[in-house]
Amino acid sequence: MIEVNYKEENKKFAPEEISALVLGSIKTFICKELKVDASTVIDAVVTVPAYFIDSQRVATKHAAEIAGINVLALINEPTAASIAHGLNNMNVSINPSALHCVIVVNDC
């Protein structure tokens, strides 16, 4: 448990709750930047460090669920970097009406 003192009040949080707060804040920020209704963004592919063991992956998925995010898949960061590099080097035009919001989170 992580204990936080905020405005003269002590609160205890599980690590997954802290991660959920971070994931929720990132989702909100990205949706505002892309002018997308946050309530429509419910699915995500989340990256985790390659060295994460199964219990850490489960905890990350649980944190996303607490934040209201349905995890479609957990992928290793090197894989995500390779995908991002490939997408960045593609010379294609994107139809804005078909754009999907993609959020990549490095949850260490």
N, C-alpha and C. Protein backbone atom coordinates (compact mmCIF):
# COMPACT_ATOMS: atom_id res chain seq x y z
N MET A 1 0.84 -1.18 0.00
CA MET A 1 0.00 0.00 0.00
C MET A 1 0.89 1.25 0.00
N ILE A 2 0.39 2.27 -0.66
CA ILE A 2 1.08 3.56 -0.72
C ILE A 2 0.23 4.55 0.05
N GLU A 3 0.84 5.19 1.05
CA GLU A 3 0.11 6.14 1.87
C GLU A 3 0.44 7.56 1.43
N VAL A 4 -0.61 8.36 1.23
CA VAL A 4 -0.47 9.73 0.76
C VAL A 4 -1.20 10.65 1.72
N ASN A 5 -0.56 11.76 2.07
CA ASN A 5 -1.19 12.78 2.90
C ASN A 5 -1.54 13.95 1.99
N TYR A 6 -2.82 14.20 1.83
CA TYR A 6 -3.30 15.27 0.96
C TYR A 6 -4.35 16.06 1.70
N LYS A 7 -4.12 17.37 1.86
CA LYS A 7 -5.04 18.26 2.56
C LYS A 7 -5.39 17.72 3.95
N GLU A 8 -4.33 17.39 4.70
CA GLU A 8 -4.50 16.94 6.09
C GLU A 8 -5.24 15.60 6.20
N GLU A 9 -5.32 14.86 5.13
CA GLU A 9 -6.02 13.58 5.15
C GLU A 9 -5.10 12.49 4.61
N ASN A 10 -4.98 11.39 5.34
CA ASN A 10 -4.18 10.27 4.89
C ASN A 10 -5.05 9.30 4.10
N LYS A 11 -4.54 8.90 2.95
CA LYS A 11 -5.23 7.91 2.13
C LYS A 11 -4.24 6.83 1.75
N LYS A 12 -4.74 5.61 1.65
CA LYS A 12 -3.91 4.49 1.24
C LYS A 12 -4.38 3.99 -0.12
N PHE A 13 -3.41 3.75 -0.99
CA PHE A 13 -3.70 3.28 -2.34
C PHE A 13 -2.89 2.02 -2.63
N ALA A 14 -3.50 1.11 -3.35
CA ALA A 14 -2.77 -0.04 -3.88
C ALA A 14 -2.00 0.45 -5.12
N PRO A 15 -0.89 -0.19 -5.45
CA PRO A 15 -0.13 0.23 -6.65
C PRO A 15 -1.00 0.29 -7.91
N GLU A 16 -1.95 -0.65 -8.04
CA GLU A 16 -2.83 -0.64 -9.21
C GLU A 16 -3.69 0.61 -9.26
N GLU A 17 -4.08 1.12 -8.10
CA GLU A 17 -4.89 2.33 -8.06
C GLU A 17 -4.09 3.54 -8.53
N ILE A 18 -2.81 3.59 -8.15
CA ILE A 18 -1.95 4.69 -8.61
C ILE A 18 -1.77 4.61 -10.12
N SER A 19 -1.50 3.41 -10.62
CA SER A 19 -1.38 3.23 -12.08
C SER A 19 -2.68 3.58 -12.79
N ALA A 20 -3.81 3.26 -12.19
CA ALA A 20 -5.11 3.59 -12.78
C ALA A 20 -5.29 5.10 -12.88
N LEU A 21 -4.87 5.82 -11.85
CA LEU A 21 -4.96 7.28 -11.89
C LEU A 21 -4.10 7.85 -13.01
N VAL A 22 -2.90 7.29 -13.17
CA VAL A 22 -2.01 7.74 -14.24
C VAL A 22 -2.61 7.43 -15.61
N LEU A 23 -3.09 6.21 -15.80
CA LEU A 23 -3.69 5.83 -17.08
C LEU A 23 -4.91 6.68 -17.40
N GLY A 24 -5.75 6.94 -16.40
CA GLY A 24 -6.93 7.77 -16.61
C GLY A 24 -6.56 9.20 -16.98
N SER A 25 -5.52 9.74 -16.34
CA SER A 25 -5.07 11.10 -16.66
C SER A 25 -4.51 11.18 -18.07
N ILE A 26 -3.74 10.16 -18.45
CA ILE A 26 -3.19 10.14 -19.82
C ILE A 26 -4.31 10.05 -20.84
N LYS A 27 -5.28 9.20 -20.58
CA LYS A 27 -6.43 9.06 -21.49
C LYS A 27 -7.15 10.40 -21.64
N THR A 28 -7.41 11.07 -20.53
CA THR A 28 -8.10 12.36 -20.56
C THR A 28 -7.30 13.39 -21.35
N PHE A 29 -5.99 13.46 -21.09
CA PHE A 29 -5.13 14.43 -21.77
C PHE A 29 -5.11 14.18 -23.28
N ILE A 30 -4.89 12.93 -23.67
CA ILE A 30 -4.82 12.60 -25.10
C ILE A 30 -6.14 12.89 -25.80
N CYS A 31 -7.25 12.55 -25.16
CA CYS A 31 -8.56 12.79 -25.77
C CYS A 31 -8.81 14.29 -25.95
N LYS A 32 -8.39 15.09 -24.99
CA LYS A 32 -8.53 16.55 -25.14
C LYS A 32 -7.68 17.06 -26.29
N GLU A 33 -6.45 16.56 -26.38
CA GLU A 33 -5.55 17.00 -27.45
C GLU A 33 -6.10 16.63 -28.83
N LEU A 34 -6.69 15.45 -28.92
CA LEU A 34 -7.21 14.98 -30.21
C LEU A 34 -8.66 15.37 -30.44
N LYS A 35 -9.23 16.09 -29.45
CA LYS A 35 -10.63 16.52 -29.53
C LYS A 35 -11.56 15.32 -29.76
N VAL A 36 -11.36 14.30 -28.93
CA VAL A 36 -12.15 13.07 -28.98
C VAL A 36 -12.88 12.94 -27.65
N ASP A 37 -14.13 12.51 -27.70
CA ASP A 37 -14.90 12.28 -26.49
C ASP A 37 -14.30 11.10 -25.73
N ALA A 38 -13.83 11.35 -24.50
CA ALA A 38 -13.16 10.33 -23.71
C ALA A 38 -14.04 9.11 -23.45
N SER A 39 -15.35 9.31 -23.43
CA SER A 39 -16.24 8.17 -23.17
C SER A 39 -16.27 7.18 -24.33
N THR A 40 -15.82 7.61 -25.51
CA THR A 40 -15.80 6.70 -26.66
C THR A 40 -14.51 5.90 -26.73
N VAL A 41 -13.51 6.29 -25.97
CA VAL A 41 -12.23 5.58 -25.97
C VAL A 41 -12.25 4.60 -24.80
N ILE A 42 -12.52 3.34 -25.12
CA ILE A 42 -12.61 2.34 -24.05
C ILE A 42 -11.64 1.19 -24.25
N ASP A 43 -11.15 1.00 -25.45
CA ASP A 43 -10.24 -0.10 -25.75
C ASP A 43 -8.83 0.43 -25.94
N ALA A 44 -7.84 -0.34 -25.50
CA ALA A 44 -6.45 0.08 -25.67
C ALA A 44 -5.53 -1.14 -25.72
N VAL A 45 -4.42 -0.94 -26.39
CA VAL A 45 -3.32 -1.88 -26.34
C VAL A 45 -2.28 -1.20 -25.46
N VAL A 46 -1.87 -1.86 -24.38
CA VAL A 46 -0.98 -1.26 -23.39
C VAL A 46 0.39 -1.91 -23.49
N THR A 47 1.43 -1.10 -23.42
CA THR A 47 2.78 -1.63 -23.43
C THR A 47 3.28 -1.83 -22.01
N VAL A 48 4.11 -2.84 -21.86
CA VAL A 48 4.77 -3.11 -20.59
C VAL A 48 6.23 -3.43 -20.87
N PRO A 49 7.09 -3.19 -19.87
CA PRO A 49 8.50 -3.57 -20.06
C PRO A 49 8.63 -5.06 -20.36
N ALA A 50 9.59 -5.41 -21.18
CA ALA A 50 9.77 -6.80 -21.59
C ALA A 50 10.08 -7.72 -20.40
N TYR A 51 10.66 -7.16 -19.35
CA TYR A 51 11.04 -7.97 -18.20
C TYR A 51 9.90 -8.18 -17.21
N PHE A 52 8.71 -7.61 -17.44
CA PHE A 52 7.59 -7.79 -16.53
C PHE A 52 7.22 -9.27 -16.45
N ILE A 53 7.03 -9.74 -15.22
CA ILE A 53 6.55 -11.11 -15.03
C ILE A 53 5.03 -11.11 -15.09
N ASP A 54 4.44 -12.30 -15.08
CA ASP A 54 3.00 -12.43 -15.26
C ASP A 54 2.21 -11.62 -14.24
N SER A 55 2.60 -11.62 -12.98
CA SER A 55 1.84 -10.89 -11.96
C SER A 55 1.86 -9.38 -12.21
N GLN A 56 2.97 -8.86 -12.75
CA GLN A 56 3.04 -7.44 -13.07
C GLN A 56 2.16 -7.10 -14.28
N ARG A 57 2.09 -8.01 -15.22
CA ARG A 57 1.22 -7.82 -16.38
C ARG A 57 -0.26 -7.84 -15.96
N VAL A 58 -0.60 -8.76 -15.06
CA VAL A 58 -1.97 -8.83 -14.55
C VAL A 58 -2.31 -7.55 -13.80
N ALA A 59 -1.37 -7.05 -12.99
CA ALA A 59 -1.60 -5.82 -12.23
C ALA A 59 -1.80 -4.62 -13.16
N THR A 60 -1.03 -4.58 -14.25
CA THR A 60 -1.17 -3.49 -15.23
C THR A 60 -2.53 -3.56 -15.91
N LYS A 61 -2.95 -4.75 -16.26
CA LYS A 61 -4.28 -4.92 -16.88
C LYS A 61 -5.38 -4.53 -15.89
N HIS A 62 -5.22 -4.90 -14.63
CA HIS A 62 -6.20 -4.54 -13.60
C HIS A 62 -6.27 -3.02 -13.43
N ALA A 63 -5.11 -2.36 -13.45
CA ALA A 63 -5.07 -0.89 -13.33
C ALA A 63 -5.84 -0.24 -14.48
N ALA A 64 -5.67 -0.76 -15.67
CA ALA A 64 -6.40 -0.21 -16.83
C ALA A 64 -7.90 -0.41 -16.65
N GLU A 65 -8.31 -1.56 -16.15
CA GLU A 65 -9.73 -1.82 -15.92
C GLU A 65 -10.30 -0.86 -14.88
N ILE A 66 -9.53 -0.57 -13.82
CA ILE A 66 -9.96 0.40 -12.81
C ILE A 66 -10.17 1.76 -13.46
N ALA A 67 -9.32 2.09 -14.43
CA ALA A 67 -9.41 3.38 -15.13
C ALA A 67 -10.50 3.39 -16.19
N GLY A 68 -11.21 2.27 -16.35
CA GLY A 68 -12.28 2.21 -17.35
C GLY A 68 -11.78 1.92 -18.75
N ILE A 69 -10.63 1.28 -18.85
CA ILE A 69 -10.04 0.97 -20.14
C ILE A 69 -10.04 -0.55 -20.32
N ASN A 70 -10.58 -1.02 -21.43
CA ASN A 70 -10.57 -2.43 -21.77
C ASN A 70 -9.27 -2.74 -22.50
N VAL A 71 -8.45 -3.59 -21.92
CA VAL A 71 -7.15 -3.92 -22.53
C VAL A 71 -7.35 -5.00 -23.58
N LEU A 72 -7.09 -4.63 -24.82
CA LEU A 72 -7.19 -5.59 -25.92
C LEU A 72 -5.99 -6.52 -25.92
N ALA A 73 -4.82 -5.95 -25.57
CA ALA A 73 -3.59 -6.75 -25.52
C ALA A 73 -2.54 -6.01 -24.73
N LEU A 74 -1.65 -6.76 -24.13
CA LEU A 74 -0.44 -6.21 -23.51
C LEU A 74 0.71 -6.61 -24.42
N ILE A 75 1.51 -5.63 -24.83
CA ILE A 75 2.66 -5.96 -25.68
C ILE A 75 3.93 -5.39 -25.05
N ASN A 76 5.04 -6.05 -25.34
CA ASN A 76 6.32 -5.60 -24.83
C ASN A 76 6.74 -4.29 -25.49
N GLU A 77 7.44 -3.47 -24.73
CA GLU A 77 7.86 -2.16 -25.25
C GLU A 77 8.70 -2.26 -26.52
N PRO A 78 9.65 -3.21 -26.63
CA PRO A 78 10.41 -3.28 -27.88
C PRO A 78 9.50 -3.54 -29.09
N THR A 79 8.47 -4.34 -28.89
CA THR A 79 7.52 -4.60 -29.97
C THR A 79 6.77 -3.32 -30.33
N ALA A 80 6.33 -2.58 -29.31
CA ALA A 80 5.62 -1.32 -29.56
C ALA A 80 6.52 -0.32 -30.28
N ALA A 81 7.79 -0.27 -29.89
CA ALA A 81 8.73 0.64 -30.55
C ALA A 81 8.90 0.28 -32.02
N SER A 82 8.97 -1.01 -32.30
CA SER A 82 9.10 -1.46 -33.69
C SER A 82 7.87 -1.10 -34.50
N ILE A 83 6.70 -1.30 -33.92
CA ILE A 83 5.45 -0.95 -34.61
C ILE A 83 5.40 0.55 -34.87
N ALA A 84 5.73 1.35 -33.84
CA ALA A 84 5.70 2.81 -33.99
C ALA A 84 6.69 3.26 -35.05
N HIS A 85 7.87 2.66 -35.07
CA HIS A 85 8.87 3.01 -36.09
C HIS A 85 8.35 2.69 -37.49
N GLY A 86 7.74 1.52 -37.63
CA GLY A 86 7.20 1.14 -38.93
C GLY A 86 6.07 2.06 -39.38
N LEU A 87 5.18 2.42 -38.45
CA LEU A 87 4.08 3.32 -38.80
C LEU A 87 4.60 4.71 -39.14
N ASN A 88 5.63 5.14 -38.43
CA ASN A 88 6.21 6.46 -38.67
C ASN A 88 6.86 6.55 -40.04
N ASN A 89 7.39 5.44 -40.53
CA ASN A 89 8.09 5.43 -41.82
C ASN A 89 7.18 5.10 -43.00
N MET A 90 5.92 4.82 -42.73
CA MET A 90 4.98 4.55 -43.82
C MET A 90 4.59 5.85 -44.48
N ASN A 91 4.53 5.84 -45.77
CA ASN A 91 4.17 7.04 -46.52
C ASN A 91 2.73 6.88 -47.00
N VAL A 92 1.78 7.05 -46.06
CA VAL A 92 0.38 6.90 -46.40
C VAL A 92 -0.39 8.12 -45.91
N SER A 93 -1.49 8.39 -46.57
CA SER A 93 -2.36 9.47 -46.09
C SER A 93 -3.45 8.84 -45.24
N ILE A 94 -3.89 9.58 -44.23
CA ILE A 94 -4.90 9.07 -43.30
C ILE A 94 -6.17 9.88 -43.46
N ASN A 95 -7.28 9.19 -43.60
CA ASN A 95 -8.58 9.83 -43.66
C ASN A 95 -8.97 10.21 -42.23
N PRO A 96 -9.07 11.52 -41.91
CA PRO A 96 -9.37 11.93 -40.53
C PRO A 96 -10.66 11.34 -39.98
N SER A 97 -11.65 11.08 -40.83
CA SER A 97 -12.91 10.52 -40.33
C SER A 97 -12.76 9.06 -39.91
N ALA A 98 -11.70 8.41 -40.37
CA ALA A 98 -11.47 7.01 -40.02
C ALA A 98 -10.38 6.86 -38.95
N LEU A 99 -9.95 7.98 -38.40
CA LEU A 99 -8.85 7.97 -37.43
C LEU A 99 -9.29 7.33 -36.12
N HIS A 100 -8.46 6.45 -35.63
CA HIS A 100 -8.67 5.84 -34.32
C HIS A 100 -7.65 6.41 -33.36
N CYS A 101 -8.05 6.63 -32.14
CA CYS A 101 -7.15 7.16 -31.12
C CYS A 101 -6.28 6.03 -30.59
N VAL A 102 -4.97 6.19 -30.68
CA VAL A 102 -4.04 5.20 -30.18
C VAL A 102 -3.23 5.85 -29.06
N ILE A 103 -3.28 5.25 -27.88
CA ILE A 103 -2.52 5.76 -26.75
C ILE A 103 -1.51 4.71 -26.35
N VAL A 104 -0.25 5.09 -26.36
CA VAL A 104 0.82 4.19 -25.94
C VAL A 104 1.32 4.68 -24.59
N VAL A 105 1.27 3.83 -23.60
CA VAL A 105 1.66 4.19 -22.24
C VAL A 105 2.82 3.34 -21.81
N ASN A 106 3.87 3.98 -21.33
CA ASN A 106 4.99 3.28 -20.76
C ASN A 106 4.76 3.18 -19.27
N ASP A 107 4.22 2.06 -18.83
CA ASP A 107 3.84 1.87 -17.42
C ASP A 107 4.92 1.10 -16.70
N CYS A 108 5.87 1.82 -16.13
CA CYS A 108 7.00 1.16 -15.44
C CYS A 108 6.68 0.91 -13.98
